[in-house]
Amino acid sequence: MHDTSPLLRAKADDEPSVFEPAKLLRKGCLGLAVLAIVVVGLAGCGGDDQSERQAEVAERSATVMPFDLDATTHTFTHTDDGGIQTVTADDPSDAEQIDLIRDHLQDERDNFARGNFDDPAAIHGHDMDGVAELRAGYTDINVSYTDLPDGAEMTYTTDRADLVGAIHAWFDRQLMDHGADAQAG
C-alpha cells in the first residue's frame, strides 16, 4: 500500500489543490517561512545572553548590596519629574532584610547626593545607561529617602528633561539586568 497524502503524491489535473510546495517556492512563501524560522531562532539567542548577564549582575550585586536579592524586590517607577525606586522584603516580617534595605538605601541616597554612582556602576557596568548624565547633573537632582513598612524607597526629582530621561534610562537598565528580582512600578 502506498501513501496517498497530498504532500507525497502527485496531483492529478482534475484534483483540487491542497498543498503545492513548488508553487509556494515560486511565490516565495517557503522562503518567507524559512526567514521567519531564522528570525525566531535568532531572537531566542538573545535570551541566553540576557540570562547570563542577569546572573553576572546578581553575583556583582551581592558584593554591593547587603540584602539578599532572592528575598527582596526592586520596583522602578517612572514619574514625570524623575522616578521612584522601591526595595522591599518579600516577607514583610523579615526584620533583618528590612534593616539591610534601609541602611543601604540611606547610604546610596547620601552617595547620589554627592554625584557618586559607583555602586550601581559596579553592578551594571561603568557605561550603564544614564549614569554619566546623572553624575554630571547630580546638583540638579533631588534624592529623598523614605522608610516603608517592608523596606524603603528613594524618590528622584528634577526640573531638567534630560535628567528625567537619564533617570528613566537608568531605571530601565536596572529592570532589565535584575530580571525576576525587579519590576516596573
C-alpha atoms as a PDB file:
ATOM      1  CA  MET A   1       0.000   0.000   0.000  1.00  0.00           C
ATOM      2  CA  HIS A   2       1.339   3.391  -0.880  1.00  0.00           C
ATOM      3  CA  ASP A   3       0.786   6.707   0.869  1.00  0.00           C
ATOM      4  CA  THR A   4      -1.733   8.910  -0.890  1.00  0.00           C
ATOM      5  CA  SER A   5      -1.392  12.012   1.276  1.00  0.00           C
ATOM      6  CA  PRO A   6      -1.429  15.266  -0.692  1.00  0.00           C
ATOM      7  CA  LEU A   7       2.168  16.013   0.318  1.00  0.00           C
ATOM      8  CA  LEU A   8       3.627  12.787  -1.032  1.00  0.00           C
ATOM      9  CA  ARG A   9       1.762  12.072  -4.245  1.00  0.00           C
ATOM     10  CA  ALA A  10       1.477  13.926  -7.484  1.00  0.00           C
ATOM     11  CA  LYS A  11      -1.767  15.768  -8.065  1.00  0.00           C
ATOM     12  CA  ALA A  12      -3.926  14.812 -10.985  1.00  0.00           C
ATOM     13  CA  ASP A  13      -5.028  17.750 -13.113  1.00  0.00           C
ATOM     14  CA  ASP A  14      -8.646  17.382 -12.036  1.00  0.00           C
ATOM     15  CA  GLU A  15      -7.921  17.204  -8.243  1.00  0.00           C
ATOM     16  CA  PRO A  16      -8.317  20.250  -6.011  1.00  0.00           C
ATOM     17  CA  SER A  17      -5.058  21.759  -4.729  1.00  0.00           C
ATOM     18  CA  VAL A  18      -4.292  21.074  -1.074  1.00  0.00           C
ATOM     19  CA  PHE A  19      -0.601  21.910  -0.742  1.00  0.00           C
ATOM     20  CA  GLU A  20       1.768  22.512  -3.592  1.00  0.00           C
ATOM     21  CA  PRO A  21       5.344  23.138  -2.398  1.00  0.00           C
ATOM     22  CA  ALA A  22       6.585  24.040  -5.881  1.00  0.00           C
ATOM     23  CA  LYS A  23       4.042  26.838  -6.223  1.00  0.00           C
ATOM     24  CA  LEU A  24       4.820  28.090  -2.712  1.00  0.00           C
ATOM     25  CA  LEU A  25       8.508  28.132  -3.520  1.00  0.00           C
ATOM     26  CA  ARG A  26       7.868  30.035  -6.729  1.00  0.00           C
ATOM     27  CA  LYS A  27       5.779  32.588  -4.851  1.00  0.00           C
ATOM     28  CA  GLY A  28       8.406  32.988  -2.158  1.00  0.00           C
ATOM     29  CA  CYS A  29       6.222  31.725   0.659  1.00  0.00           C
ATOM     30  CA  LEU A  30       8.613  28.955   1.569  1.00  0.00           C
ATOM     31  CA  GLY A  31      11.429  31.490   1.611  1.00  0.00           C
ATOM     32  CA  LEU A  32       9.397  33.675   3.947  1.00  0.00           C
ATOM     33  CA  ALA A  33       8.690  30.696   6.173  1.00  0.00           C
ATOM     34  CA  VAL A  34      12.400  29.886   6.370  1.00  0.00           C
ATOM     35  CA  LEU A  35      13.176  33.536   7.091  1.00  0.00           C
ATOM     36  CA  ALA A  36      10.586  33.561   9.868  1.00  0.00           C
ATOM     37  CA  ILE A  37      12.153  30.465  11.428  1.00  0.00           C
ATOM     38  CA  VAL A  38      15.612  32.052  11.291  1.00  0.00           C
ATOM     39  CA  VAL A  39      14.371  35.323  12.835  1.00  0.00           C
ATOM     40  CA  VAL A  40      12.572  33.493  15.638  1.00  0.00           C
ATOM     41  CA  GLY A  41      15.668  31.392  16.243  1.00  0.00           C
ATOM     42  CA  LEU A  42      17.917  34.446  16.419  1.00  0.00           C
ATOM     43  CA  ALA A  43      15.523  36.215  18.756  1.00  0.00           C
ATOM     44  CA  GLY A  44      15.763  33.269  21.105  1.00  0.00           C
ATOM     45  CA  CYS A  45      19.558  33.517  21.162  1.00  0.00           C
ATOM     46  CA  GLY A  46      19.472  36.861  22.957  1.00  0.00           C
ATOM     47  CA  GLY A  47      17.597  35.319  25.869  1.00  0.00           C
ATOM     48  CA  ASP A  48      20.609  33.214  26.792  1.00  0.00           C
ATOM     49  CA  ASP A  49      22.865  36.274  26.705  1.00  0.00           C
ATOM     50  CA  GLN A  50      20.401  38.203  28.877  1.00  0.00           C
ATOM     51  CA  SER A  51      20.172  35.292  31.342  1.00  0.00           C
ATOM     52  CA  GLU A  52      23.965  35.227  31.567  1.00  0.00           C
ATOM     53  CA  ARG A  53      24.047  38.981  32.153  1.00  0.00           C
ATOM     54  CA  GLN A  54      21.392  38.717  34.871  1.00  0.00           C
ATOM     55  CA  ALA A  55      23.437  36.004  36.601  1.00  0.00           C
ATOM     56  CA  GLU A  56      26.555  38.203  36.434  1.00  0.00           C
ATOM     57  CA  VAL A  57      24.613  41.187  37.796  1.00  0.00           C
ATOM     58  CA  ALA A  58      23.222  39.081  40.648  1.00  0.00           C
ATOM     59  CA  GLU A  59      26.744  37.951  41.524  1.00  0.00           C
ATOM     60  CA  ARG A  60      28.111  41.525  41.495  1.00  0.00           C
ATOM     61  CA  SER A  61      25.048  42.764  43.410  1.00  0.00           C
ATOM     62  CA  ALA A  62      25.966  40.541  46.325  1.00  0.00           C
ATOM     63  CA  THR A  63      29.237  42.464  46.704  1.00  0.00           C
ATOM     64  CA  VAL A  64      27.487  45.865  46.776  1.00  0.00           C
ATOM     65  CA  MET A  65      24.027  45.341  48.280  1.00  0.00           C
ATOM     66  CA  PRO A  66      23.944  43.825  51.765  1.00  0.00           C
ATOM     67  CA  PHE A  67      20.428  42.416  51.449  1.00  0.00           C
ATOM     68  CA  ASP A  68      19.516  39.168  49.710  1.00  0.00           C
ATOM     69  CA  LEU A  69      18.254  39.728  46.145  1.00  0.00           C
ATOM     70  CA  ASP A  70      16.307  36.481  46.338  1.00  0.00           C
ATOM     71  CA  ALA A  71      14.452  37.747  49.421  1.00  0.00           C
ATOM     72  CA  THR A  72      13.706  41.263  48.128  1.00  0.00           C
ATOM     73  CA  THR A  73      12.122  43.044  45.195  1.00  0.00           C
ATOM     74  CA  HIS A  74      13.204  46.245  43.454  1.00  0.00           C
ATOM     75  CA  THR A  75      10.454  48.358  41.895  1.00  0.00           C
ATOM     76  CA  PHE A  76      11.339  51.149  39.477  1.00  0.00           C
ATOM     77  CA  THR A  77       8.607  53.663  38.706  1.00  0.00           C
ATOM     78  CA  HIS A  78       8.979  56.414  36.103  1.00  0.00           C
ATOM     79  CA  THR A  79       7.441  59.744  37.066  1.00  0.00           C
ATOM     80  CA  ASP A  80       7.068  62.937  35.055  1.00  0.00           C
ATOM     81  CA  ASP A  81       9.869  64.587  37.045  1.00  0.00           C
ATOM     82  CA  GLY A  82      12.143  61.562  37.677  1.00  0.00           C
ATOM     83  CA  GLY A  83      11.306  58.309  39.364  1.00  0.00           C
ATOM     84  CA  ILE A  84      10.793  56.240  42.480  1.00  0.00           C
ATOM     85  CA  GLN A  85      13.000  53.282  43.393  1.00  0.00           C
ATOM     86  CA  THR A  86      11.491  50.980  45.997  1.00  0.00           C
ATOM     87  CA  VAL A  87      13.176  47.995  47.615  1.00  0.00           C
ATOM     88  CA  THR A  88      11.020  45.753  49.783  1.00  0.00           C
ATOM     89  CA  ALA A  89      11.433  42.470  51.603  1.00  0.00           C
ATOM     90  CA  ASP A  90       9.388  39.687  50.032  1.00  0.00           C
ATOM     91  CA  ASP A  91       8.493  38.629  53.573  1.00  0.00           C
ATOM     92  CA  PRO A  92       7.192  41.745  55.364  1.00  0.00           C
ATOM     93  CA  SER A  93       8.128  40.207  58.725  1.00  0.00           C
ATOM     94  CA  ASP A  94      11.801  39.731  57.755  1.00  0.00           C
ATOM     95  CA  ALA A  95      13.243  42.456  60.002  1.00  0.00           C
ATOM     96  CA  GLU A  96      16.844  41.632  59.043  1.00  0.00           C
ATOM     97  CA  GLN A  97      16.251  42.215  55.310  1.00  0.00           C
ATOM     98  CA  ILE A  98      14.233  45.355  56.016  1.00  0.00           C
ATOM     99  CA  ASP A  99      17.043  46.832  58.143  1.00  0.00           C
ATOM    100  CA  LEU A 100      19.633  45.951  55.469  1.00  0.00           C
ATOM    101  CA  ILE A 101      17.490  47.571  52.762  1.00  0.00           C
ATOM    102  CA  ARG A 102      17.044  50.747  54.799  1.00  0.00           C
ATOM    103  CA  ASP A 103      20.735  51.062  55.703  1.00  0.00           C
ATOM    104  CA  HIS A 104      21.794  50.527  52.100  1.00  0.00           C
ATOM    105  CA  LEU A 105      19.317  52.957  50.565  1.00  0.00           C
ATOM    106  CA  GLN A 106      20.217  55.658  53.110  1.00  0.00           C
ATOM    107  CA  ASP A 107      23.882  55.225  52.161  1.00  0.00           C
ATOM    108  CA  GLU A 108      23.012  55.329  48.456  1.00  0.00           C
ATOM    109  CA  ARG A 109      20.948  58.496  48.906  1.00  0.00           C
ATOM    110  CA  ASP A 110      23.990  60.145  50.505  1.00  0.00           C
ATOM    111  CA  ASN A 111      26.260  58.876  47.699  1.00  0.00           C
ATOM    112  CA  PHE A 112      23.926  60.037  44.937  1.00  0.00           C
ATOM    113  CA  ALA A 113      23.571  63.479  46.557  1.00  0.00           C
ATOM    114  CA  ARG A 114      27.369  63.814  46.058  1.00  0.00           C
ATOM    115  CA  GLY A 115      27.230  62.573  42.458  1.00  0.00           C
ATOM    116  CA  ASN A 116      28.683  59.189  43.435  1.00  0.00           C
ATOM    117  CA  PHE A 117      27.003  56.459  41.378  1.00  0.00           C
ATOM    118  CA  ASP A 118      29.876  53.980  41.802  1.00  0.00           C
ATOM    119  CA  ASP A 119      27.759  51.229  43.440  1.00  0.00           C
ATOM    120  CA  PRO A 120      25.232  50.869  40.601  1.00  0.00           C
ATOM    121  CA  ALA A 121      28.079  51.186  38.085  1.00  0.00           C
ATOM    122  CA  ALA A 122      29.980  48.395  39.845  1.00  0.00           C
ATOM    123  CA  ILE A 123      26.921  46.166  39.467  1.00  0.00           C
ATOM    124  CA  HIS A 124      25.702  47.134  35.992  1.00  0.00           C
ATOM    125  CA  GLY A 125      28.886  48.431  34.360  1.00  0.00           C
ATOM    126  CA  HIS A 126      30.519  51.847  34.240  1.00  0.00           C
ATOM    127  CA  ASP A 127      28.889  52.551  30.872  1.00  0.00           C
ATOM    128  CA  MET A 128      25.445  51.925  32.386  1.00  0.00           C
ATOM    129  CA  ASP A 129      22.630  53.833  30.692  1.00  0.00           C
ATOM    130  CA  GLY A 130      22.030  57.219  32.326  1.00  0.00           C
ATOM    131  CA  VAL A 131      24.937  57.170  34.802  1.00  0.00           C
ATOM    132  CA  ALA A 132      27.195  59.665  33.006  1.00  0.00           C
ATOM    133  CA  GLU A 133      24.324  62.140  32.780  1.00  0.00           C
ATOM    134  CA  LEU A 134      23.356  61.607  36.423  1.00  0.00           C
ATOM    135  CA  ARG A 135      26.946  62.166  37.568  1.00  0.00           C
ATOM    136  CA  ALA A 136      27.236  65.324  35.512  1.00  0.00           C
ATOM    137  CA  GLY A 137      23.862  66.724  36.628  1.00  0.00           C
ATOM    138  CA  TYR A 138      23.637  65.467  40.200  1.00  0.00           C
ATOM    139  CA  THR A 139      23.343  69.003  41.619  1.00  0.00           C
ATOM    140  CA  ASP A 140      20.048  69.363  39.733  1.00  0.00           C
ATOM    141  CA  ILE A 141      18.575  66.111  41.106  1.00  0.00           C
ATOM    142  CA  ASN A 142      16.842  65.902  44.478  1.00  0.00           C
ATOM    143  CA  VAL A 143      17.082  62.436  46.027  1.00  0.00           C
ATOM    144  CA  SER A 144      14.865  61.809  49.049  1.00  0.00           C
ATOM    145  CA  TYR A 145      14.613  58.725  51.235  1.00  0.00           C
ATOM    146  CA  THR A 146      11.534  57.257  52.941  1.00  0.00           C
ATOM    147  CA  ASP A 147      11.147  54.237  55.236  1.00  0.00           C
ATOM    148  CA  LEU A 148       8.399  51.819  54.226  1.00  0.00           C
ATOM    149  CA  PRO A 149       6.921  49.136  56.498  1.00  0.00           C
ATOM    150  CA  ASP A 150       8.648  46.416  54.434  1.00  0.00           C
ATOM    151  CA  GLY A 151      11.701  48.316  53.147  1.00  0.00           C
ATOM    152  CA  ALA A 152      12.458  51.765  51.811  1.00  0.00           C
ATOM    153  CA  GLU A 153      12.231  53.986  48.761  1.00  0.00           C
ATOM    154  CA  MET A 154      14.170  56.761  47.134  1.00  0.00           C
ATOM    155  CA  THR A 155      12.485  59.431  45.058  1.00  0.00           C
ATOM    156  CA  TYR A 156      14.462  61.226  42.346  1.00  0.00           C
ATOM    157  CA  THR A 157      13.133  64.576  41.106  1.00  0.00           C
ATOM    158  CA  THR A 158      14.472  67.180  38.713  1.00  0.00           C
ATOM    159  CA  ASP A 159      13.229  70.028  36.561  1.00  0.00           C
ATOM    160  CA  ARG A 160      15.567  69.078  33.728  1.00  0.00           C
ATOM    161  CA  ALA A 161      14.046  66.930  30.968  1.00  0.00           C
ATOM    162  CA  ASP A 162      17.455  65.473  30.035  1.00  0.00           C
ATOM    163  CA  LEU A 163      17.940  64.233  33.598  1.00  0.00           C
ATOM    164  CA  VAL A 164      14.414  62.810  33.725  1.00  0.00           C
ATOM    165  CA  GLY A 165      15.363  60.842  30.599  1.00  0.00           C
ATOM    166  CA  ALA A 166      18.622  59.730  32.244  1.00  0.00           C
ATOM    167  CA  ILE A 167      16.773  58.543  35.364  1.00  0.00           C
ATOM    168  CA  HIS A 168      14.317  56.593  33.199  1.00  0.00           C
ATOM    169  CA  ALA A 169      17.156  55.019  31.170  1.00  0.00           C
ATOM    170  CA  TRP A 170      18.990  54.160  34.408  1.00  0.00           C
ATOM    171  CA  PHE A 171      15.837  52.555  35.837  1.00  0.00           C
ATOM    172  CA  ASP A 172      15.178  50.622  32.622  1.00  0.00           C
ATOM    173  CA  ARG A 173      18.710  49.169  32.630  1.00  0.00           C
ATOM    174  CA  GLN A 174      18.253  48.033  36.232  1.00  0.00           C
ATOM    175  CA  LEU A 175      14.909  46.445  35.368  1.00  0.00           C
ATOM    176  CA  MET A 176      16.484  44.523  32.515  1.00  0.00           C
ATOM    177  CA  ASP A 177      19.556  43.473  34.486  1.00  0.00           C
ATOM    178  CA  HIS A 178      17.775  42.368  37.667  1.00  0.00           C
ATOM    179  CA  GLY A 179      15.233  40.195  35.827  1.00  0.00           C
ATOM    180  CA  ALA A 180      12.855  38.470  38.209  1.00  0.00           C
ATOM    181  CA  ASP A 181      14.234  40.452  41.181  1.00  0.00           C
ATOM    182  CA  ALA A 182      12.831  43.726  39.805  1.00  0.00           C
ATOM    183  CA  GLN A 183       9.598  45.070  38.434  1.00  0.00           C
ATOM    184  CA  ALA A 184       8.278  48.213  36.814  1.00  0.00           C
ATOM    185  CA  GLY A 185       6.002  50.265  39.009  1.00  0.00           C
END
